[in-house]
Amino acid sequence: KLKDRYALLDSGSALGFGCGPLLVAKEGCKS
């Protein structure tokens, strides 16, 4: 959303496999 204000640097990023966010719920959450 900010490409008109900031340029992406080639270094320092966090990308990868097996490292994405998790959706978790308390035990018993049904819906």
PDB file of all heavy atoms in Angstrom:
ATOM      1  N   LYS A   1       0.815  -1.218   0.000  1.00  0.00           N
ATOM      2  CA  LYS A   1       0.000   0.000   0.000  1.00  0.00           C
ATOM      3  C   LYS A   1       0.849   1.269   0.000  1.00  0.00           C
ATOM      4  O   LYS A   1       0.322   2.371  -0.095  1.00  0.00           O
ATOM      5  CB  LYS A   1      -0.909   0.016   1.239  1.00  0.00           C
ATOM      6  CG  LYS A   1      -1.965  -1.099   1.283  1.00  0.00           C
ATOM      7  CD  LYS A   1      -2.719  -1.056   2.603  1.00  0.00           C
ATOM      8  CE  LYS A   1      -3.781  -2.146   2.698  1.00  0.00           C
ATOM      9  NZ  LYS A   1      -4.963  -1.843   1.879  1.00  0.00           N
ATOM     10  N   LEU A   2       2.163   1.096   0.133  1.00  0.00           N
ATOM     11  CA  LEU A   2       3.054   2.242   0.312  1.00  0.00           C
ATOM     12  C   LEU A   2       4.109   2.366  -0.787  1.00  0.00           C
ATOM     13  O   LEU A   2       5.115   3.065  -0.613  1.00  0.00           O
ATOM     14  CB  LEU A   2       3.762   2.140   1.672  1.00  0.00           C
ATOM     15  CG  LEU A   2       2.895   2.411   2.899  1.00  0.00           C
ATOM     16  CD1 LEU A   2       3.535   1.838   4.152  1.00  0.00           C
ATOM     17  CD2 LEU A   2       2.663   3.905   3.054  1.00  0.00           C
ATOM     18  N   LYS A   3       3.898   1.717  -1.903  1.00  0.00           N
ATOM     19  CA  LYS A   3       4.897   1.712  -2.969  1.00  0.00           C
ATOM     20  C   LYS A   3       5.117   3.096  -3.575  1.00  0.00           C
ATOM     21  O   LYS A   3       6.130   3.331  -4.228  1.00  0.00           O
ATOM     22  CB  LYS A   3       4.504   0.708  -4.055  1.00  0.00           C
ATOM     23  CG  LYS A   3       4.573  -0.734  -3.573  1.00  0.00           C
ATOM     24  CD  LYS A   3       3.977  -1.706  -4.582  1.00  0.00           C
ATOM     25  CE  LYS A   3       4.812  -1.808  -5.827  1.00  0.00           C
ATOM     26  NZ  LYS A   3       4.285  -2.834  -6.763  1.00  0.00           N
ATOM     27  N   ASP A   4       4.181   4.014  -3.352  1.00  0.00           N
ATOM     28  CA  ASP A   4       4.347   5.379  -3.848  1.00  0.00           C
ATOM     29  C   ASP A   4       5.147   6.244  -2.879  1.00  0.00           C
ATOM     30  O   ASP A   4       5.422   7.419  -3.156  1.00  0.00           O
ATOM     31  CB  ASP A   4       2.986   6.021  -4.106  1.00  0.00           C
ATOM     32  CG  ASP A   4       2.127   6.134  -2.846  1.00  0.00           C
ATOM     33  OD1 ASP A   4       2.338   5.330  -1.904  1.00  0.00           O
ATOM     34  OD2 ASP A   4       1.256   7.010  -2.796  1.00  0.00           O
ATOM     35  N   ARG A   5       5.542   5.669  -1.729  1.00  0.00           N
ATOM     36  CA  ARG A   5       6.265   6.444  -0.712  1.00  0.00           C
ATOM     37  C   ARG A   5       7.581   5.794  -0.294  1.00  0.00           C
ATOM     38  O   ARG A   5       8.490   6.477   0.183  1.00  0.00           O
ATOM     39  CB  ARG A   5       5.387   6.626   0.531  1.00  0.00           C
ATOM     40  CG  ARG A   5       4.016   7.192   0.203  1.00  0.00           C
ATOM     41  CD  ARG A   5       3.151   7.344   1.421  1.00  0.00           C
ATOM     42  NE  ARG A   5       1.732   7.321   1.052  1.00  0.00           N
ATOM     43  CZ  ARG A   5       0.739   7.592   1.865  1.00  0.00           C
ATOM     44  NH1 ARG A   5       1.000   7.936   3.122  1.00  0.00           N
ATOM     45  NH2 ARG A   5      -0.504   7.538   1.460  1.00  0.00           N
ATOM     46  N   TYR A   6       7.672   4.483  -0.430  1.00  0.00           N
ATOM     47  CA  TYR A   6       8.871   3.740  -0.017  1.00  0.00           C
ATOM     48  C   TYR A   6       9.304   2.772  -1.117  1.00  0.00           C
ATOM     49  O   TYR A   6       8.464   2.226  -1.834  1.00  0.00           O
ATOM     50  CB  TYR A   6       8.599   2.947   1.261  1.00  0.00           C
ATOM     51  CG  TYR A   6       8.651   3.778   2.518  1.00  0.00           C
ATOM     52  CD1 TYR A   6       7.525   4.467   2.968  1.00  0.00           C
ATOM     53  CD2 TYR A   6       9.829   3.904   3.258  1.00  0.00           C
ATOM     54  CE1 TYR A   6       7.563   5.242   4.119  1.00  0.00           C
ATOM     55  CE2 TYR A   6       9.879   4.680   4.407  1.00  0.00           C
ATOM     56  CZ  TYR A   6       8.749   5.336   4.833  1.00  0.00           C
ATOM     57  OH  TYR A   6       8.799   6.109   5.963  1.00  0.00           O
ATOM     58  N   ALA A   7      10.619   2.565  -1.209  1.00  0.00           N
ATOM     59  CA  ALA A   7      11.181   1.592  -2.143  1.00  0.00           C
ATOM     60  C   ALA A   7      11.690   0.382  -1.374  1.00  0.00           C
ATOM     61  O   ALA A   7      12.285   0.510  -0.292  1.00  0.00           O
ATOM     62  CB  ALA A   7      12.317   2.219  -2.945  1.00  0.00           C
ATOM     63  N   LEU A   8      11.461  -0.779  -1.906  1.00  0.00           N
ATOM     64  CA  LEU A   8      11.865  -2.039  -1.286  1.00  0.00           C
ATOM     65  C   LEU A   8      13.378  -2.223  -1.379  1.00  0.00           C
ATOM     66  O   LEU A   8      13.968  -2.035  -2.442  1.00  0.00           O
ATOM     67  CB  LEU A   8      11.149  -3.185  -2.004  1.00  0.00           C
ATOM     68  CG  LEU A   8      11.493  -4.613  -1.591  1.00  0.00           C
ATOM     69  CD1 LEU A   8      11.051  -4.876  -0.157  1.00  0.00           C
ATOM     70  CD2 LEU A   8      10.824  -5.594  -2.558  1.00  0.00           C
ATOM     71  N   LEU A   9      14.006  -2.590  -0.266  1.00  0.00           N
ATOM     72  CA  LEU A   9      15.428  -2.930  -0.283  1.00  0.00           C
ATOM     73  C   LEU A   9      15.598  -4.413  -0.597  1.00  0.00           C
ATOM     74  O   LEU A   9      14.765  -5.241  -0.233  1.00  0.00           O
ATOM     75  CB  LEU A   9      16.075  -2.610   1.063  1.00  0.00           C
ATOM     76  CG  LEU A   9      16.097  -1.145   1.503  1.00  0.00           C
ATOM     77  CD1 LEU A   9      16.948  -0.989   2.757  1.00  0.00           C
ATOM     78  CD2 LEU A   9      16.619  -0.236   0.406  1.00  0.00           C
ATOM     79  N   ASP A  10      16.705  -4.753  -1.225  1.00  0.00           N
ATOM     80  CA  ASP A  10      16.961  -6.138  -1.610  1.00  0.00           C
ATOM     81  C   ASP A  10      17.398  -6.992  -0.430  1.00  0.00           C
ATOM     82  O   ASP A  10      17.301  -8.220  -0.472  1.00  0.00           O
ATOM     83  CB  ASP A  10      18.036  -6.168  -2.700  1.00  0.00           C
ATOM     84  CG  ASP A  10      18.275  -7.577  -3.230  1.00  0.00           C
ATOM     85  OD1 ASP A  10      17.299  -8.207  -3.689  1.00  0.00           O
ATOM     86  OD2 ASP A  10      19.432  -8.040  -3.175  1.00  0.00           O
ATOM     87  N   SER A  11      17.856  -6.372   0.642  1.00  0.00           N
ATOM     88  CA  SER A  11      18.334  -7.124   1.813  1.00  0.00           C
ATOM     89  C   SER A  11      17.487  -6.800   3.044  1.00  0.00           C
ATOM     90  O   SER A  11      16.824  -5.771   3.107  1.00  0.00           O
ATOM     91  CB  SER A  11      19.801  -6.790   2.091  1.00  0.00           C
ATOM     92  OG  SER A  11      19.974  -5.397   2.246  1.00  0.00           O
ATOM     93  N   GLY A  12      17.524  -7.724   4.021  1.00  0.00           N
ATOM     94  CA  GLY A  12      16.844  -7.507   5.293  1.00  0.00           C
ATOM     95  C   GLY A  12      15.450  -8.081   5.397  1.00  0.00           C
ATOM     96  O   GLY A  12      14.841  -8.040   6.464  1.00  0.00           O
ATOM     97  N   SER A  13      14.930  -8.633   4.307  1.00  0.00           N
ATOM     98  CA  SER A  13      13.547  -9.118   4.317  1.00  0.00           C
ATOM     99  C   SER A  13      13.396 -10.444   5.054  1.00  0.00           C
ATOM    100  O   SER A  13      14.360 -11.183   5.269  1.00  0.00           O
ATOM    101  CB  SER A  13      13.035  -9.293   2.883  1.00  0.00           C
ATOM    102  OG  SER A  13      12.797  -8.061   2.269  1.00  0.00           O
ATOM    103  N   ALA A  14      12.153 -10.735   5.422  1.00  0.00           N
ATOM    104  CA  ALA A  14      11.798 -12.026   6.016  1.00  0.00           C
ATOM    105  C   ALA A  14      10.843 -12.741   5.063  1.00  0.00           C
ATOM    106  O   ALA A  14       9.681 -12.382   4.948  1.00  0.00           O
ATOM    107  CB  ALA A  14      11.140 -11.823   7.380  1.00  0.00           C
ATOM    108  N   LEU A  15      11.375 -13.699   4.343  1.00  0.00           N
ATOM    109  CA  LEU A  15      10.598 -14.583   3.478  1.00  0.00           C
ATOM    110  C   LEU A  15      11.063 -15.998   3.769  1.00  0.00           C
ATOM    111  O   LEU A  15      12.175 -16.202   4.257  1.00  0.00           O
ATOM    112  CB  LEU A  15      10.841 -14.318   1.993  1.00  0.00           C
ATOM    113  CG  LEU A  15      10.346 -13.035   1.340  1.00  0.00           C
ATOM    114  CD1 LEU A  15      11.315 -11.901   1.553  1.00  0.00           C
ATOM    115  CD2 LEU A  15      10.114 -13.254  -0.147  1.00  0.00           C
ATOM    116  N   GLY A  16      10.234 -16.967   3.441  1.00  0.00           N
ATOM    117  CA  GLY A  16      10.714 -18.317   3.626  1.00  0.00           C
ATOM    118  C   GLY A  16       9.627 -19.364   3.518  1.00  0.00           C
ATOM    119  O   GLY A  16       8.455 -19.060   3.294  1.00  0.00           O
ATOM    120  N   PHE A  17      10.045 -20.586   3.663  1.00  0.00           N
ATOM    121  CA  PHE A  17       9.143 -21.725   3.677  1.00  0.00           C
ATOM    122  C   PHE A  17       8.990 -22.214   5.111  1.00  0.00           C
ATOM    123  O   PHE A  17       9.936 -22.214   5.892  1.00  0.00           O
ATOM    124  CB  PHE A  17       9.700 -22.851   2.802  1.00  0.00           C
ATOM    125  CG  PHE A  17       9.794 -22.504   1.342  1.00  0.00           C
ATOM    126  CD1 PHE A  17      10.995 -22.057   0.793  1.00  0.00           C
ATOM    127  CD2 PHE A  17       8.679 -22.614   0.518  1.00  0.00           C
ATOM    128  CE1 PHE A  17      11.082 -21.737  -0.557  1.00  0.00           C
ATOM    129  CE2 PHE A  17       8.756 -22.299  -0.832  1.00  0.00           C
ATOM    130  CZ  PHE A  17       9.957 -21.860  -1.370  1.00  0.00           C
ATOM    131  N   GLY A  18       7.790 -22.614   5.476  1.00  0.00           N
ATOM    132  CA  GLY A  18       7.561 -23.144   6.818  1.00  0.00           C
ATOM    133  C   GLY A  18       7.637 -22.102   7.906  1.00  0.00           C
ATOM    134  O   GLY A  18       7.920 -22.433   9.068  1.00  0.00           O
ATOM    135  N   CYS A  19       7.381 -20.829   7.563  1.00  0.00           N
ATOM    136  CA  CYS A  19       7.530 -19.770   8.575  1.00  0.00           C
ATOM    137  C   CYS A  19       6.341 -18.818   8.594  1.00  0.00           C
ATOM    138  O   CYS A  19       6.430 -17.723   9.123  1.00  0.00           O
ATOM    139  CB  CYS A  19       8.817 -18.990   8.335  1.00  0.00           C
ATOM    140  SG  CYS A  19       8.873 -18.109   6.758  1.00  0.00           S
ATOM    141  N   GLY A  20       5.226 -19.226   7.998  1.00  0.00           N
ATOM    142  CA  GLY A  20       4.075 -18.331   7.904  1.00  0.00           C
ATOM    143  C   GLY A  20       3.306 -18.213   9.208  1.00  0.00           C
ATOM    144  O   GLY A  20       3.534 -18.961  10.158  1.00  0.00           O
ATOM    145  N   PRO A  21       2.374 -17.263   9.257  1.00  0.00           N
ATOM    146  CA  PRO A  21       1.536 -17.083  10.451  1.00  0.00           C
ATOM    147  C   PRO A  21       0.609 -18.274  10.655  1.00  0.00           C
ATOM    148  O   PRO A  21       0.231 -18.971   9.698  1.00  0.00           O
ATOM    149  CB  PRO A  21       0.745 -15.811  10.138  1.00  0.00           C
ATOM    150  CG  PRO A  21       0.765 -15.706   8.654  1.00  0.00           C
ATOM    151  CD  PRO A  21       2.056 -16.287   8.201  1.00  0.00           C
ATOM    152  N   LEU A  22       0.237 -18.493  11.893  1.00  0.00           N
ATOM    153  CA  LEU A  22      -0.675 -19.587  12.239  1.00  0.00           C
ATOM    154  C   LEU A  22      -1.984 -19.018  12.772  1.00  0.00           C
ATOM    155  O   LEU A  22      -1.984 -18.094  13.577  1.00  0.00           O
ATOM    156  CB  LEU A  22      -0.064 -20.489  13.319  1.00  0.00           C
ATOM    157  CG  LEU A  22       1.297 -21.135  13.045  1.00  0.00           C
ATOM    158  CD1 LEU A  22       1.706 -21.975  14.261  1.00  0.00           C
ATOM    159  CD2 LEU A  22       1.266 -21.979  11.792  1.00  0.00           C
ATOM    160  N   LEU A  23      -3.073 -19.578  12.321  1.00  0.00           N
ATOM    161  CA  LEU A  23      -4.372 -19.300  12.931  1.00  0.00           C
ATOM    162  C   LEU A  23      -4.595 -20.366  13.986  1.00  0.00           C
ATOM    163  O   LEU A  23      -4.611 -21.564  13.681  1.00  0.00           O
ATOM    164  CB  LEU A  23      -5.484 -19.336  11.884  1.00  0.00           C
ATOM    165  CG  LEU A  23      -6.910 -19.080  12.403  1.00  0.00           C
ATOM    166  CD1 LEU A  23      -7.026 -17.686  13.010  1.00  0.00           C
ATOM    167  CD2 LEU A  23      -7.927 -19.263  11.284  1.00  0.00           C
ATOM    168  N   VAL A  24      -4.702 -19.947  15.240  1.00  0.00           N
ATOM    169  CA  VAL A  24      -4.895 -20.890  16.345  1.00  0.00           C
ATOM    170  C   VAL A  24      -6.182 -20.531  17.087  1.00  0.00           C
ATOM    171  O   VAL A  24      -6.693 -19.410  16.973  1.00  0.00           O
ATOM    172  CB  VAL A  24      -3.702 -20.880  17.329  1.00  0.00           C
ATOM    173  CG1 VAL A  24      -2.406 -21.235  16.605  1.00  0.00           C
ATOM    174  CG2 VAL A  24      -3.570 -19.533  18.026  1.00  0.00           C
ATOM    175  N   ALA A  25      -6.685 -21.476  17.822  1.00  0.00           N
ATOM    176  CA  ALA A  25      -7.906 -21.251  18.604  1.00  0.00           C
ATOM    177  C   ALA A  25      -7.794 -21.996  19.918  1.00  0.00           C
ATOM    178  O   ALA A  25      -7.027 -22.956  20.054  1.00  0.00           O
ATOM    179  CB  ALA A  25      -9.135 -21.724  17.824  1.00  0.00           C
ATOM    180  N   LYS A  26      -8.570 -21.551  20.886  1.00  0.00           N
ATOM    181  CA  LYS A  26      -8.571 -22.273  22.145  1.00  0.00           C
ATOM    182  C   LYS A  26      -9.283 -23.611  21.942  1.00  0.00           C
ATOM    183  O   LYS A  26     -10.170 -23.738  21.076  1.00  0.00           O
ATOM    184  CB  LYS A  26      -9.224 -21.459  23.248  1.00  0.00           C
ATOM    185  CG  LYS A  26     -10.681 -21.102  23.047  1.00  0.00           C
ATOM    186  CD  LYS A  26     -11.156 -20.215  24.199  1.00  0.00           C
ATOM    187  CE  LYS A  26     -12.596 -19.764  24.010  1.00  0.00           C
ATOM    188  NZ  LYS A  26     -13.015 -18.819  25.060  1.00  0.00           N
ATOM    189  N   GLU A  27      -8.871 -24.578  22.691  1.00  0.00           N
ATOM    190  CA  GLU A  27      -9.461 -25.907  22.567  1.00  0.00           C
ATOM    191  C   GLU A  27     -10.968 -25.826  22.779  1.00  0.00           C
ATOM    192  O   GLU A  27     -11.449 -25.188  23.712  1.00  0.00           O
ATOM    193  CB  GLU A  27      -8.823 -26.857  23.580  1.00  0.00           C
ATOM    194  CG  GLU A  27      -7.334 -27.096  23.321  1.00  0.00           C
ATOM    195  CD  GLU A  27      -6.670 -27.903  24.419  1.00  0.00           C
ATOM    196  OE1 GLU A  27      -7.354 -28.191  25.429  1.00  0.00           O
ATOM    197  OE2 GLU A  27      -5.489 -28.237  24.276  1.00  0.00           O
ATOM    198  N   GLY A  28     -11.712 -26.437  21.845  1.00  0.00           N
ATOM    199  CA  GLY A  28     -13.164 -26.425  21.957  1.00  0.00           C
ATOM    200  C   GLY A  28     -13.850 -25.395  21.092  1.00  0.00           C
ATOM    201  O   GLY A  28     -15.078 -25.384  20.992  1.00  0.00           O
ATOM    202  N   CYS A  29     -13.074 -24.500  20.457  1.00  0.00           N
ATOM    203  CA  CYS A  29     -13.668 -23.516  19.550  1.00  0.00           C
ATOM    204  C   CYS A  29     -14.195 -24.250  18.318  1.00  0.00           C
ATOM    205  O   CYS A  29     -13.443 -24.915  17.608  1.00  0.00           O
ATOM    206  CB  CYS A  29     -12.638 -22.469  19.152  1.00  0.00           C
ATOM    207  SG  CYS A  29     -13.253 -21.238  17.980  1.00  0.00           S
ATOM    208  N   LYS A  30     -15.500 -24.130  18.050  1.00  0.00           N
ATOM    209  CA  LYS A  30     -16.129 -24.939  17.008  1.00  0.00           C
ATOM    210  C   LYS A  30     -16.456 -24.168  15.735  1.00  0.00           C
ATOM    211  O   LYS A  30     -16.660 -24.774  14.687  1.00  0.00           O
ATOM    212  CB  LYS A  30     -17.406 -25.574  17.560  1.00  0.00           C
ATOM    213  CG  LYS A  30     -17.141 -26.556  18.699  1.00  0.00           C
ATOM    214  CD  LYS A  30     -18.436 -27.146  19.244  1.00  0.00           C
ATOM    215  CE  LYS A  30     -18.153 -28.121  20.376  1.00  0.00           C
ATOM    216  NZ  LYS A  30     -19.406 -28.685  20.954  1.00  0.00           N
ATOM    217  N   SER A  31     -16.522 -22.853  15.791  1.00  0.00           N
ATOM    218  CA  SER A  31     -16.941 -22.090  14.624  1.00  0.00           C
ATOM    219  C   SER A  31     -16.100 -20.834  14.454  1.00  0.00           C
ATOM    220  O   SER A  31     -16.142 -19.935  15.302  1.00  0.00           O
ATOM    221  CB  SER A  31     -18.417 -21.694  14.742  1.00  0.00           C
ATOM    222  OG  SER A  31     -18.784 -20.796  13.724  1.00  0.00           O
TER     223      SER A  31
END
